[in-house]
Amino acid sequence: MTPEEAELIKEGMKITNGWLEKAFGPAIEQAGGMLGDWLEDKRNVLQYNRQVVAHKVKTIMIEENVTTKEISSKVLFPLLEGISLEDDETLQDMWANLIVNYIDSEQTLCITVYPGILKQLSSQEVNILQQLSEENGEAVSFELFMQRTSDGDAVMRNLERLSLVEEVPQTVRVRDYTRDAESTMEKIIENSGMYSLTIFGIHFLEACKR
């Protein structure tokens, strides 16, 4: 933990304890102690998460003999925040890959929004993105994801919001009763329930791989 982070936690505890004292009076001593323990635990978790991802980054760099370059603060600070908050191993692997791709001198990755995107994803959402990636551009039915996730609708809405997936209109053949029983015509279904990765989604996943 940096001196700046330690000072922020100290100030946060001071402000919060002052507010609690006004609200709860004599009970503040016990509450303040619990809050201090929680902040200490939280600090240890954040530090542990950073260490885990740092070890993954170091392993990749040694195994692949990566030569490094500097990255901008617009990327660096979101990266540090993201790895501190992440405790899922699959997502930690993605963070490590993303970091290495940013600092690898042989890579041209310069888009600054990827850390902000990755920070908003759950392991469940990442699993869906990886499934779509394996389809090589083919659209997949939303119903399939509904069967595999606990909250499929919210998951797909979030992935759409982040511009990682898109619903693909489907063209179907239907009977044209204005002519005769054998005649058919094409009909475009906008709300098809079929999804595929966007170009942005494809590039994002590539940035999180090695």
N, C-alpha and C. Protein backbone atom coordinates (compact mmCIF):
# COMPACT_ATOMS: atom_id res chain seq x y z
N MET A 1 0.85 -1.20 0.00
CA MET A 1 0.00 0.00 0.00
C MET A 1 0.88 1.24 0.00
N THR A 2 0.56 2.20 -0.84
CA THR A 2 1.32 3.44 -0.92
C THR A 2 0.96 4.35 0.25
N PRO A 3 1.83 5.32 0.59
CA PRO A 3 1.50 6.28 1.65
C PRO A 3 0.21 7.05 1.35
N GLU A 4 -0.03 7.33 0.06
CA GLU A 4 -1.25 8.05 -0.30
C GLU A 4 -2.49 7.22 0.00
N GLU A 5 -2.44 5.91 -0.30
CA GLU A 5 -3.57 5.03 -0.02
C GLU A 5 -3.82 4.92 1.48
N ALA A 6 -2.73 4.81 2.25
CA ALA A 6 -2.87 4.71 3.69
C ALA A 6 -3.50 5.97 4.27
N GLU A 7 -3.10 7.13 3.75
CA GLU A 7 -3.66 8.38 4.24
C GLU A 7 -5.13 8.51 3.89
N LEU A 8 -5.50 8.04 2.68
CA LEU A 8 -6.91 8.08 2.28
C LEU A 8 -7.77 7.21 3.20
N ILE A 9 -7.27 6.03 3.54
CA ILE A 9 -8.02 5.14 4.44
C ILE A 9 -8.16 5.78 5.82
N LYS A 10 -7.06 6.39 6.30
CA LYS A 10 -7.09 7.04 7.61
C LYS A 10 -8.12 8.17 7.63
N GLU A 11 -8.12 8.99 6.58
CA GLU A 11 -9.08 10.09 6.51
C GLU A 11 -10.51 9.57 6.38
N GLY A 12 -10.66 8.50 5.61
CA GLY A 12 -11.99 7.91 5.44
C GLY A 12 -12.54 7.40 6.75
N MET A 13 -11.69 6.75 7.55
CA MET A 13 -12.12 6.25 8.86
C MET A 13 -12.50 7.41 9.78
N LYS A 14 -11.72 8.51 9.73
CA LYS A 14 -11.99 9.66 10.58
C LYS A 14 -13.34 10.28 10.25
N ILE A 15 -13.59 10.47 8.95
CA ILE A 15 -14.86 11.08 8.51
C ILE A 15 -16.04 10.18 8.86
N THR A 16 -15.89 8.87 8.58
CA THR A 16 -16.98 7.93 8.81
C THR A 16 -17.27 7.79 10.30
N ASN A 17 -16.21 7.73 11.11
CA ASN A 17 -16.41 7.62 12.55
C ASN A 17 -17.12 8.85 13.11
N GLY A 18 -16.80 10.03 12.56
CA GLY A 18 -17.48 11.25 13.00
C GLY A 18 -18.95 11.22 12.68
N TRP A 19 -19.29 10.74 11.51
CA TRP A 19 -20.70 10.64 11.13
C TRP A 19 -21.43 9.63 12.00
N LEU A 20 -20.78 8.48 12.25
CA LEU A 20 -21.40 7.45 13.08
C LEU A 20 -21.62 7.93 14.52
N GLU A 21 -20.68 8.73 15.02
CA GLU A 21 -20.81 9.22 16.38
C GLU A 21 -22.04 10.10 16.55
N LYS A 22 -22.30 10.93 15.56
CA LYS A 22 -23.49 11.78 15.61
C LYS A 22 -24.76 10.95 15.52
N ALA A 23 -24.72 9.88 14.73
CA ALA A 23 -25.92 9.10 14.48
C ALA A 23 -26.23 8.13 15.62
N PHE A 24 -25.19 7.53 16.22
CA PHE A 24 -25.42 6.44 17.17
C PHE A 24 -24.91 6.70 18.59
N GLY A 25 -24.22 7.80 18.79
CA GLY A 25 -23.80 8.16 20.13
C GLY A 25 -22.89 7.14 20.78
N PRO A 26 -23.24 6.61 21.97
CA PRO A 26 -22.35 5.73 22.75
C PRO A 26 -21.95 4.45 22.03
N ALA A 27 -22.73 4.04 21.06
CA ALA A 27 -22.42 2.77 20.38
C ALA A 27 -21.27 2.92 19.38
N ILE A 28 -20.76 4.15 19.24
CA ILE A 28 -19.79 4.40 18.18
C ILE A 28 -18.48 3.67 18.39
N GLU A 29 -18.07 3.48 19.64
CA GLU A 29 -16.76 2.86 19.88
C GLU A 29 -16.70 1.46 19.30
N GLN A 30 -17.75 0.69 19.56
CA GLN A 30 -17.79 -0.67 19.01
C GLN A 30 -17.92 -0.64 17.50
N ALA A 31 -18.78 0.25 16.99
CA ALA A 31 -18.98 0.34 15.54
C ALA A 31 -17.70 0.77 14.85
N GLY A 32 -17.00 1.75 15.47
CA GLY A 32 -15.75 2.22 14.89
C GLY A 32 -14.71 1.12 14.82
N GLY A 33 -14.67 0.30 15.85
CA GLY A 33 -13.74 -0.82 15.85
C GLY A 33 -14.03 -1.82 14.76
N MET A 34 -15.33 -2.09 14.57
CA MET A 34 -15.73 -3.02 13.50
C MET A 34 -15.38 -2.45 12.15
N LEU A 35 -15.60 -1.13 11.98
CA LEU A 35 -15.28 -0.49 10.70
C LEU A 35 -13.79 -0.56 10.42
N GLY A 36 -12.99 -0.33 11.48
CA GLY A 36 -11.54 -0.40 11.31
C GLY A 36 -11.10 -1.78 10.89
N ASP A 37 -11.67 -2.81 11.50
CA ASP A 37 -11.34 -4.19 11.12
C ASP A 37 -11.72 -4.47 9.68
N TRP A 38 -12.91 -3.95 9.27
CA TRP A 38 -13.37 -4.18 7.90
C TRP A 38 -12.43 -3.52 6.90
N LEU A 39 -12.01 -2.28 7.19
CA LEU A 39 -11.12 -1.58 6.28
C LEU A 39 -9.77 -2.28 6.20
N GLU A 40 -9.30 -2.79 7.32
CA GLU A 40 -8.03 -3.51 7.32
C GLU A 40 -8.14 -4.78 6.49
N ASP A 41 -9.23 -5.51 6.65
CA ASP A 41 -9.45 -6.72 5.85
C ASP A 41 -9.52 -6.37 4.37
N LYS A 42 -10.24 -5.27 4.07
CA LYS A 42 -10.39 -4.85 2.68
C LYS A 42 -9.04 -4.49 2.08
N ARG A 43 -8.23 -3.79 2.84
CA ARG A 43 -6.90 -3.41 2.36
C ARG A 43 -6.07 -4.65 2.06
N ASN A 44 -6.15 -5.65 2.93
CA ASN A 44 -5.39 -6.89 2.72
C ASN A 44 -5.86 -7.63 1.47
N VAL A 45 -7.17 -7.62 1.23
CA VAL A 45 -7.72 -8.27 0.04
C VAL A 45 -7.23 -7.57 -1.23
N LEU A 46 -7.29 -6.25 -1.23
CA LEU A 46 -6.84 -5.48 -2.40
C LEU A 46 -5.37 -5.74 -2.69
N GLN A 47 -4.57 -5.77 -1.64
CA GLN A 47 -3.15 -6.01 -1.80
C GLN A 47 -2.89 -7.42 -2.32
N TYR A 48 -3.64 -8.39 -1.80
CA TYR A 48 -3.48 -9.77 -2.25
C TYR A 48 -3.84 -9.91 -3.73
N ASN A 49 -4.95 -9.28 -4.14
CA ASN A 49 -5.36 -9.35 -5.54
C ASN A 49 -4.29 -8.78 -6.46
N ARG A 50 -3.70 -7.66 -6.05
CA ARG A 50 -2.63 -7.06 -6.86
C ARG A 50 -1.44 -8.00 -6.98
N GLN A 51 -1.11 -8.66 -5.87
CA GLN A 51 0.03 -9.57 -5.88
C GLN A 51 -0.21 -10.77 -6.79
N VAL A 52 -1.44 -11.29 -6.77
CA VAL A 52 -1.78 -12.44 -7.61
C VAL A 52 -1.62 -12.09 -9.08
N VAL A 53 -2.19 -10.96 -9.49
CA VAL A 53 -2.11 -10.55 -10.90
C VAL A 53 -0.67 -10.21 -11.27
N ALA A 54 0.05 -9.56 -10.36
CA ALA A 54 1.45 -9.23 -10.64
C ALA A 54 2.28 -10.48 -10.89
N HIS A 55 2.01 -11.53 -10.12
CA HIS A 55 2.72 -12.80 -10.33
C HIS A 55 2.38 -13.39 -11.70
N LYS A 56 1.11 -13.31 -12.11
CA LYS A 56 0.70 -13.81 -13.42
C LYS A 56 1.39 -13.02 -14.53
N VAL A 57 1.46 -11.70 -14.35
CA VAL A 57 2.13 -10.85 -15.35
C VAL A 57 3.60 -11.23 -15.45
N LYS A 58 4.25 -11.38 -14.31
CA LYS A 58 5.68 -11.73 -14.30
C LYS A 58 5.91 -13.07 -14.99
N THR A 59 5.04 -14.04 -14.72
CA THR A 59 5.18 -15.37 -15.33
C THR A 59 5.09 -15.29 -16.85
N ILE A 60 4.10 -14.53 -17.36
CA ILE A 60 3.93 -14.38 -18.81
C ILE A 60 5.16 -13.72 -19.42
N MET A 61 5.64 -12.67 -18.78
CA MET A 61 6.77 -11.92 -19.33
C MET A 61 8.03 -12.77 -19.38
N ILE A 62 8.24 -13.62 -18.37
CA ILE A 62 9.43 -14.48 -18.35
C ILE A 62 9.29 -15.58 -19.40
N GLU A 63 8.12 -16.23 -19.45
CA GLU A 63 7.93 -17.34 -20.38
C GLU A 63 7.97 -16.89 -21.84
N GLU A 64 7.48 -15.68 -22.11
CA GLU A 64 7.42 -15.19 -23.48
C GLU A 64 8.52 -14.18 -23.81
N ASN A 65 9.42 -13.96 -22.84
CA ASN A 65 10.54 -13.05 -23.05
C ASN A 65 10.07 -11.69 -23.57
N VAL A 66 9.13 -11.09 -22.86
CA VAL A 66 8.52 -9.84 -23.29
C VAL A 66 9.43 -8.66 -22.98
N THR A 67 9.65 -7.81 -23.97
CA THR A 67 10.34 -6.54 -23.75
C THR A 67 9.28 -5.45 -23.59
N THR A 68 9.50 -4.55 -22.66
CA THR A 68 8.43 -3.63 -22.26
C THR A 68 8.58 -2.23 -22.84
N LYS A 69 7.47 -1.52 -22.80
CA LYS A 69 7.42 -0.10 -23.16
C LYS A 69 6.56 0.61 -22.13
N GLU A 70 6.64 1.92 -22.09
CA GLU A 70 5.85 2.69 -21.14
C GLU A 70 4.40 2.79 -21.61
N ILE A 71 3.47 2.89 -20.65
CA ILE A 71 2.07 3.11 -20.98
C ILE A 71 1.60 4.39 -20.29
N SER A 72 0.55 4.97 -20.83
CA SER A 72 0.07 6.25 -20.31
C SER A 72 -0.66 6.06 -18.98
N SER A 73 -0.74 7.13 -18.21
CA SER A 73 -1.44 7.08 -16.93
C SER A 73 -2.93 6.83 -17.13
N LYS A 74 -3.47 7.17 -18.31
CA LYS A 74 -4.89 6.91 -18.59
C LYS A 74 -5.18 5.41 -18.58
N VAL A 75 -4.18 4.62 -18.87
CA VAL A 75 -4.33 3.16 -18.85
C VAL A 75 -3.84 2.59 -17.53
N LEU A 76 -2.73 3.11 -17.01
CA LEU A 76 -2.10 2.56 -15.83
C LEU A 76 -3.01 2.59 -14.60
N PHE A 77 -3.61 3.74 -14.30
CA PHE A 77 -4.42 3.84 -13.10
C PHE A 77 -5.67 2.96 -13.14
N PRO A 78 -6.41 2.92 -14.25
CA PRO A 78 -7.54 1.98 -14.32
C PRO A 78 -7.10 0.51 -14.19
N LEU A 79 -5.91 0.18 -14.72
CA LEU A 79 -5.40 -1.17 -14.58
C LEU A 79 -5.14 -1.52 -13.11
N LEU A 80 -4.51 -0.62 -12.40
CA LEU A 80 -4.20 -0.86 -10.98
C LEU A 80 -5.48 -0.99 -10.16
N GLU A 81 -6.46 -0.15 -10.47
CA GLU A 81 -7.73 -0.23 -9.75
C GLU A 81 -8.43 -1.55 -10.06
N GLY A 82 -8.44 -1.93 -11.33
CA GLY A 82 -9.14 -3.14 -11.74
C GLY A 82 -8.57 -4.40 -11.12
N ILE A 83 -7.24 -4.54 -11.10
CA ILE A 83 -6.65 -5.76 -10.55
C ILE A 83 -6.81 -5.82 -9.03
N SER A 84 -6.92 -4.66 -8.38
CA SER A 84 -7.11 -4.64 -6.94
C SER A 84 -8.47 -5.19 -6.55
N LEU A 85 -9.48 -4.92 -7.37
CA LEU A 85 -10.85 -5.29 -7.04
C LEU A 85 -11.21 -6.71 -7.48
N GLU A 86 -10.39 -7.31 -8.33
CA GLU A 86 -10.78 -8.59 -8.93
C GLU A 86 -10.24 -9.78 -8.16
N ASP A 87 -11.15 -10.71 -7.78
CA ASP A 87 -10.72 -11.91 -7.07
C ASP A 87 -11.10 -13.20 -7.81
N ASP A 88 -11.69 -13.06 -9.01
CA ASP A 88 -12.03 -14.24 -9.81
C ASP A 88 -10.82 -14.63 -10.66
N GLU A 89 -10.44 -15.90 -10.63
CA GLU A 89 -9.21 -16.32 -11.30
C GLU A 89 -9.27 -16.13 -12.81
N THR A 90 -10.41 -16.44 -13.42
CA THR A 90 -10.53 -16.27 -14.87
C THR A 90 -10.33 -14.81 -15.26
N LEU A 91 -10.96 -13.91 -14.52
CA LEU A 91 -10.82 -12.50 -14.81
C LEU A 91 -9.42 -11.99 -14.45
N GLN A 92 -8.81 -12.55 -13.42
CA GLN A 92 -7.43 -12.17 -13.10
C GLN A 92 -6.49 -12.53 -14.25
N ASP A 93 -6.74 -13.67 -14.88
CA ASP A 93 -5.94 -14.07 -16.05
C ASP A 93 -6.12 -13.05 -17.19
N MET A 94 -7.34 -12.59 -17.38
CA MET A 94 -7.60 -11.61 -18.43
C MET A 94 -6.91 -10.29 -18.12
N TRP A 95 -6.95 -9.88 -16.85
CA TRP A 95 -6.25 -8.65 -16.45
C TRP A 95 -4.76 -8.78 -16.71
N ALA A 96 -4.19 -9.92 -16.36
CA ALA A 96 -2.75 -10.12 -16.57
C ALA A 96 -2.40 -10.06 -18.05
N ASN A 97 -3.21 -10.72 -18.88
CA ASN A 97 -2.97 -10.68 -20.33
C ASN A 97 -3.09 -9.27 -20.88
N LEU A 98 -4.09 -8.54 -20.40
CA LEU A 98 -4.31 -7.17 -20.87
C LEU A 98 -3.12 -6.28 -20.50
N ILE A 99 -2.63 -6.42 -19.27
CA ILE A 99 -1.48 -5.63 -18.84
C ILE A 99 -0.26 -5.91 -19.71
N VAL A 100 0.01 -7.19 -19.93
CA VAL A 100 1.18 -7.55 -20.74
C VAL A 100 1.04 -7.02 -22.16
N ASN A 101 -0.16 -7.08 -22.72
CA ASN A 101 -0.36 -6.56 -24.08
C ASN A 101 -0.16 -5.05 -24.15
N TYR A 102 -0.47 -4.35 -23.07
CA TYR A 102 -0.23 -2.90 -23.05
C TYR A 102 1.25 -2.57 -22.97
N ILE A 103 2.01 -3.35 -22.20
CA ILE A 103 3.42 -3.02 -21.98
C ILE A 103 4.36 -3.74 -22.93
N ASP A 104 3.86 -4.68 -23.72
CA ASP A 104 4.68 -5.43 -24.68
C ASP A 104 5.09 -4.50 -25.82
N SER A 105 6.38 -4.33 -26.00
CA SER A 105 6.88 -3.42 -27.03
C SER A 105 6.55 -3.87 -28.45
N GLU A 106 6.22 -5.15 -28.61
CA GLU A 106 5.88 -5.66 -29.93
C GLU A 106 4.39 -5.54 -30.24
N GLN A 107 3.61 -5.09 -29.27
CA GLN A 107 2.17 -4.90 -29.46
C GLN A 107 1.88 -3.42 -29.72
N THR A 108 0.79 -3.16 -30.41
CA THR A 108 0.41 -1.77 -30.72
C THR A 108 -0.86 -1.36 -29.98
N LEU A 109 -1.18 -2.08 -28.90
CA LEU A 109 -2.40 -1.79 -28.16
C LEU A 109 -2.31 -0.42 -27.50
N CYS A 110 -3.25 0.46 -27.82
CA CYS A 110 -3.23 1.81 -27.26
C CYS A 110 -4.62 2.30 -26.85
N ILE A 111 -5.67 1.52 -27.12
CA ILE A 111 -7.02 1.91 -26.73
C ILE A 111 -7.12 1.95 -25.21
N THR A 112 -7.62 3.05 -24.67
CA THR A 112 -7.60 3.24 -23.22
C THR A 112 -8.85 2.73 -22.50
N VAL A 113 -9.89 2.34 -23.24
CA VAL A 113 -11.16 2.00 -22.59
C VAL A 113 -11.24 0.54 -22.13
N TYR A 114 -10.33 -0.31 -22.56
CA TYR A 114 -10.44 -1.73 -22.23
C TYR A 114 -10.44 -2.02 -20.73
N PRO A 115 -9.60 -1.38 -19.91
CA PRO A 115 -9.67 -1.65 -18.46
C PRO A 115 -11.04 -1.32 -17.87
N GLY A 116 -11.65 -0.22 -18.33
CA GLY A 116 -12.98 0.14 -17.83
C GLY A 116 -14.03 -0.86 -18.23
N ILE A 117 -13.89 -1.45 -19.41
CA ILE A 117 -14.81 -2.49 -19.87
C ILE A 117 -14.65 -3.75 -19.04
N LEU A 118 -13.41 -4.21 -18.88
CA LEU A 118 -13.14 -5.45 -18.16
C LEU A 118 -13.61 -5.35 -16.71
N LYS A 119 -13.47 -4.18 -16.12
CA LYS A 119 -13.86 -3.99 -14.72
C LYS A 119 -15.36 -4.21 -14.51
N GLN A 120 -16.15 -4.04 -15.57
CA GLN A 120 -17.61 -4.15 -15.46
C GLN A 120 -18.14 -5.54 -15.79
N LEU A 121 -17.25 -6.48 -16.06
CA LEU A 121 -17.68 -7.82 -16.46
C LEU A 121 -17.59 -8.82 -15.31
N SER A 122 -18.56 -9.73 -15.28
CA SER A 122 -18.53 -10.85 -14.35
C SER A 122 -17.96 -12.07 -15.07
N SER A 123 -17.61 -13.10 -14.31
CA SER A 123 -17.12 -14.33 -14.93
C SER A 123 -18.20 -14.96 -15.81
N GLN A 124 -19.45 -14.80 -15.43
CA GLN A 124 -20.57 -15.32 -16.21
C GLN A 124 -20.63 -14.63 -17.58
N GLU A 125 -20.45 -13.33 -17.59
CA GLU A 125 -20.49 -12.58 -18.85
C GLU A 125 -19.29 -12.91 -19.72
N VAL A 126 -18.14 -13.07 -19.10
CA VAL A 126 -16.94 -13.45 -19.84
C VAL A 126 -17.13 -14.82 -20.49
N ASN A 127 -17.77 -15.74 -19.78
CA ASN A 127 -18.03 -17.07 -20.32
C ASN A 127 -18.88 -16.99 -21.59
N ILE A 128 -19.88 -16.12 -21.58
CA ILE A 128 -20.72 -15.94 -22.76
C ILE A 128 -19.91 -15.36 -23.92
N LEU A 129 -19.08 -14.38 -23.63
CA LEU A 129 -18.24 -13.79 -24.68
C LEU A 129 -17.33 -14.84 -25.30
N GLN A 130 -16.76 -15.70 -24.46
CA GLN A 130 -15.87 -16.73 -24.97
C GLN A 130 -16.64 -17.76 -25.81
N GLN A 131 -17.87 -18.07 -25.40
CA GLN A 131 -18.69 -18.98 -26.20
C GLN A 131 -18.99 -18.38 -27.57
N LEU A 132 -19.33 -17.11 -27.58
CA LEU A 132 -19.61 -16.44 -28.86
C LEU A 132 -18.36 -16.39 -29.73
N SER A 133 -17.22 -16.20 -29.11
CA SER A 133 -15.96 -16.15 -29.86
C SER A 133 -15.68 -17.47 -30.55
N GLU A 134 -16.06 -18.56 -29.92
CA GLU A 134 -15.82 -19.89 -30.50
C GLU A 134 -16.73 -20.19 -31.68
N GLU A 135 -17.77 -19.37 -31.88
CA GLU A 135 -18.71 -19.60 -32.98
C GLU A 135 -18.22 -19.02 -34.31
N ASN A 136 -17.06 -18.34 -34.29
CA ASN A 136 -16.47 -17.79 -35.51
C ASN A 136 -17.43 -16.92 -36.31
N GLY A 137 -18.11 -16.03 -35.62
CA GLY A 137 -18.98 -15.08 -36.30
C GLY A 137 -20.42 -15.51 -36.44
N GLU A 138 -20.72 -16.77 -36.14
CA GLU A 138 -22.09 -17.26 -36.23
C GLU A 138 -22.91 -16.77 -35.04
N ALA A 139 -24.14 -16.38 -35.28
CA ALA A 139 -25.02 -15.91 -34.21
C ALA A 139 -25.51 -17.09 -33.37
N VAL A 140 -25.70 -16.84 -32.08
CA VAL A 140 -26.14 -17.86 -31.14
C VAL A 140 -27.46 -17.43 -30.51
N SER A 141 -28.34 -18.38 -30.29
CA SER A 141 -29.66 -18.08 -29.74
C SER A 141 -29.57 -17.60 -28.30
N PHE A 142 -30.33 -16.55 -28.01
CA PHE A 142 -30.43 -16.03 -26.65
C PHE A 142 -30.97 -17.09 -25.70
N GLU A 143 -31.86 -17.95 -26.17
CA GLU A 143 -32.44 -19.00 -25.34
C GLU A 143 -31.37 -19.93 -24.79
N LEU A 144 -30.31 -20.14 -25.56
CA LEU A 144 -29.21 -20.99 -25.11
C LEU A 144 -28.54 -20.39 -23.89
N PHE A 145 -28.33 -19.06 -23.90
CA PHE A 145 -27.71 -18.40 -22.77
C PHE A 145 -28.64 -18.37 -21.57
N MET A 146 -29.94 -18.27 -21.83
CA MET A 146 -30.91 -18.28 -20.74
C MET A 146 -30.83 -19.58 -19.96
N GLN A 147 -30.54 -20.68 -20.66
CA GLN A 147 -30.44 -21.98 -20.02
C GLN A 147 -29.15 -22.12 -19.21
N ARG A 148 -28.12 -21.37 -19.58
CA ARG A 148 -26.81 -21.53 -18.96
C ARG A 148 -26.48 -20.48 -17.91
N THR A 149 -27.32 -19.45 -17.78
CA THR A 149 -27.06 -18.40 -16.82
C THR A 149 -28.26 -18.22 -15.90
N SER A 150 -27.99 -17.68 -14.72
CA SER A 150 -29.07 -17.48 -13.75
C SER A 150 -29.90 -16.25 -14.06
N ASP A 151 -29.34 -15.30 -14.79
CA ASP A 151 -30.06 -14.07 -15.12
C ASP A 151 -29.66 -13.65 -16.53
N GLY A 152 -30.06 -14.45 -17.50
CA GLY A 152 -29.64 -14.25 -18.88
C GLY A 152 -30.00 -12.90 -19.46
N ASP A 153 -31.20 -12.41 -19.15
CA ASP A 153 -31.65 -11.14 -19.73
C ASP A 153 -30.75 -9.99 -19.28
N ALA A 154 -30.47 -9.91 -17.98
CA ALA A 154 -29.63 -8.84 -17.46
C ALA A 154 -28.21 -8.94 -18.00
N VAL A 155 -27.73 -10.16 -18.14
CA VAL A 155 -26.38 -10.38 -18.66
C VAL A 155 -26.27 -9.88 -20.09
N MET A 156 -27.21 -10.25 -20.94
CA MET A 156 -27.15 -9.82 -22.33
C MET A 156 -27.34 -8.32 -22.47
N ARG A 157 -28.19 -7.74 -21.63
CA ARG A 157 -28.38 -6.28 -21.68
C ARG A 157 -27.07 -5.55 -21.33
N ASN A 158 -26.35 -6.09 -20.35
CA ASN A 158 -25.09 -5.45 -19.97
C ASN A 158 -24.06 -5.58 -21.07
N LEU A 159 -23.99 -6.74 -21.69
CA LEU A 159 -23.03 -6.94 -22.79
C LEU A 159 -23.37 -6.06 -23.99
N GLU A 160 -24.67 -5.85 -24.22
CA GLU A 160 -25.09 -4.93 -25.28
C GLU A 160 -24.72 -3.50 -24.91
N ARG A 161 -24.95 -3.13 -23.65
CA ARG A 161 -24.64 -1.77 -23.19
C ARG A 161 -23.17 -1.45 -23.38
N LEU A 162 -22.32 -2.45 -23.17
CA LEU A 162 -20.88 -2.26 -23.31
C LEU A 162 -20.42 -2.39 -24.76
N SER A 163 -21.38 -2.60 -25.67
CA SER A 163 -21.09 -2.73 -27.12
C SER A 163 -20.21 -3.93 -27.45
N LEU A 164 -20.32 -4.99 -26.63
CA LEU A 164 -19.54 -6.20 -26.88
C LEU A 164 -20.31 -7.22 -27.71
N VAL A 165 -21.64 -7.22 -27.60
CA VAL A 165 -22.47 -8.12 -28.40
C VAL A 165 -23.58 -7.32 -29.06
N GLU A 166 -24.19 -7.91 -30.05
CA GLU A 166 -25.33 -7.27 -30.72
C GLU A 166 -26.32 -8.33 -31.17
N GLU A 167 -27.59 -7.93 -31.17
CA GLU A 167 -28.63 -8.83 -31.67
C GLU A 167 -28.64 -8.75 -33.19
N VAL A 168 -28.63 -9.90 -33.83
CA VAL A 168 -28.50 -9.96 -35.28
C VAL A 168 -29.86 -10.25 -35.92
N PRO A 169 -30.36 -9.37 -36.81
CA PRO A 169 -31.62 -9.64 -37.51
C PRO A 169 -31.50 -10.93 -38.33
N GLN A 170 -32.59 -11.66 -38.39
CA GLN A 170 -32.60 -12.92 -39.13
C GLN A 170 -33.55 -12.83 -40.32
N THR A 171 -33.14 -13.39 -41.44
CA THR A 171 -33.97 -13.46 -42.63
C THR A 171 -34.56 -14.87 -42.75
N VAL A 172 -35.88 -14.95 -42.79
CA VAL A 172 -36.55 -16.25 -42.86
C VAL A 172 -37.48 -16.28 -44.08
N ARG A 173 -37.79 -17.47 -44.51
CA ARG A 173 -38.74 -17.65 -45.62
C ARG A 173 -40.11 -17.96 -45.03
N VAL A 174 -41.12 -17.19 -45.42
CA VAL A 174 -42.49 -17.43 -44.96
C VAL A 174 -43.40 -17.57 -46.17
N ARG A 175 -44.55 -18.22 -45.96
CA ARG A 175 -45.50 -18.44 -47.05
C ARG A 175 -46.18 -17.13 -47.42
N ASP A 176 -46.27 -16.87 -48.68
CA ASP A 176 -46.88 -15.64 -49.19
C ASP A 176 -48.31 -15.95 -49.63
N TYR A 177 -49.27 -15.68 -48.76
CA TYR A 177 -50.66 -16.02 -49.05
C TYR A 177 -51.31 -15.06 -50.05
N THR A 178 -50.62 -13.97 -50.39
CA THR A 178 -51.19 -13.04 -51.37
C THR A 178 -51.10 -13.60 -52.78
N ARG A 179 -50.32 -14.64 -52.96
CA ARG A 179 -50.19 -15.24 -54.29
C ARG A 179 -50.85 -16.63 -54.30
N ASP A 180 -50.14 -17.60 -53.78
CA ASP A 180 -50.72 -18.94 -53.72
C ASP A 180 -50.06 -19.71 -52.59
N ALA A 181 -50.57 -20.86 -52.30
CA ALA A 181 -50.13 -21.63 -51.14
C ALA A 181 -48.68 -22.08 -51.25
N GLU A 182 -48.15 -22.15 -52.46
CA GLU A 182 -46.80 -22.64 -52.66
C GLU A 182 -45.76 -21.51 -52.65
N SER A 183 -46.22 -20.28 -52.75
CA SER A 183 -45.31 -19.15 -52.87
C SER A 183 -44.75 -18.75 -51.50
N THR A 184 -43.47 -18.36 -51.49
CA THR A 184 -42.84 -17.90 -50.25
C THR A 184 -42.17 -16.54 -50.49
N MET A 185 -41.88 -15.87 -49.39
CA MET A 185 -41.20 -14.58 -49.46
C MET A 185 -40.26 -14.45 -48.27
N GLU A 186 -39.27 -13.56 -48.41
CA GLU A 186 -38.33 -13.34 -47.32
C GLU A 186 -38.88 -12.31 -46.33
N LYS A 187 -38.66 -12.58 -45.02
CA LYS A 187 -39.09 -11.66 -43.99
C LYS A 187 -37.92 -11.45 -43.01
N ILE A 188 -37.63 -10.19 -42.71
CA ILE A 188 -36.55 -9.86 -41.79
C ILE A 188 -37.11 -9.71 -40.38
N ILE A 189 -36.57 -10.48 -39.45
CA ILE A 189 -36.99 -10.42 -38.05
C ILE A 189 -35.93 -9.66 -37.27
N GLU A 190 -36.28 -8.44 -36.83
CA GLU A 190 -35.31 -7.61 -36.10
C GLU A 190 -35.03 -8.18 -34.71
N ASN A 191 -36.06 -8.48 -33.95
CA ASN A 191 -35.90 -9.04 -32.60
C ASN A 191 -35.80 -10.56 -32.70
N SER A 192 -34.67 -11.00 -33.21
CA SER A 192 -34.50 -12.42 -33.53
C SER A 192 -34.10 -13.26 -32.33
N GLY A 193 -33.52 -12.63 -31.30
CA GLY A 193 -33.01 -13.41 -30.17
C GLY A 193 -31.70 -14.10 -30.47
N MET A 194 -31.06 -13.72 -31.60
CA MET A 194 -29.77 -14.29 -32.00
C MET A 194 -28.68 -13.24 -31.79
N TYR A 195 -27.59 -13.65 -31.14
CA TYR A 195 -26.54 -12.70 -30.78
C TYR A 195 -25.18 -13.14 -31.32
N SER A 196 -24.36 -12.12 -31.61
CA SER A 196 -22.97 -12.37 -32.00
C SER A 196 -22.10 -11.27 -31.43
N LEU A 197 -20.79 -11.49 -31.43
CA LEU A 197 -19.87 -10.46 -30.98
C LEU A 197 -19.85 -9.29 -31.95
N THR A 198 -19.69 -8.08 -31.43
CA THR A 198 -19.44 -6.93 -32.29
C THR A 198 -17.96 -6.91 -32.67
N ILE A 199 -17.59 -6.06 -33.61
CA ILE A 199 -16.18 -5.90 -33.95
C ILE A 199 -15.40 -5.43 -32.73
N PHE A 200 -16.01 -4.51 -31.99
CA PHE A 200 -15.37 -4.03 -30.76
C PHE A 200 -15.19 -5.17 -29.76
N GLY A 201 -16.21 -6.04 -29.65
CA GLY A 201 -16.12 -7.17 -28.74
C GLY A 201 -15.02 -8.14 -29.13
N ILE A 202 -14.86 -8.36 -30.43
CA ILE A 202 -13.79 -9.24 -30.92
C ILE A 202 -12.42 -8.68 -30.56
N HIS A 203 -12.23 -7.38 -30.80
CA HIS A 203 -10.95 -6.74 -30.50
C HIS A 203 -10.67 -6.72 -29.00
N PHE A 204 -11.74 -6.52 -28.21
CA PHE A 204 -11.57 -6.51 -26.77
C PHE A 204 -11.07 -7.87 -26.27
N LEU A 205 -11.69 -8.94 -26.72
CA LEU A 205 -11.27 -10.28 -26.29
C LEU A 205 -9.84 -10.57 -26.73
N GLU A 206 -9.48 -10.13 -27.92
CA GLU A 206 -8.11 -10.33 -28.40
C GLU A 206 -7.11 -9.60 -27.50
N ALA A 207 -7.50 -8.43 -26.99
CA ALA A 207 -6.62 -7.66 -26.12
C ALA A 207 -6.43 -8.33 -24.76
N CYS A 208 -7.34 -9.22 -24.41
CA CYS A 208 -7.29 -9.91 -23.10
C CYS A 208 -6.75 -11.33 -23.24
N LYS A 209 -6.11 -11.62 -24.36
CA LYS A 209 -5.53 -12.95 -24.60
C LYS A 209 -4.05 -12.82 -24.89
N ARG A 210 -3.32 -13.93 -24.69
CA ARG A 210 -1.92 -14.02 -25.08
C ARG A 210 -1.73 -15.28 -25.91
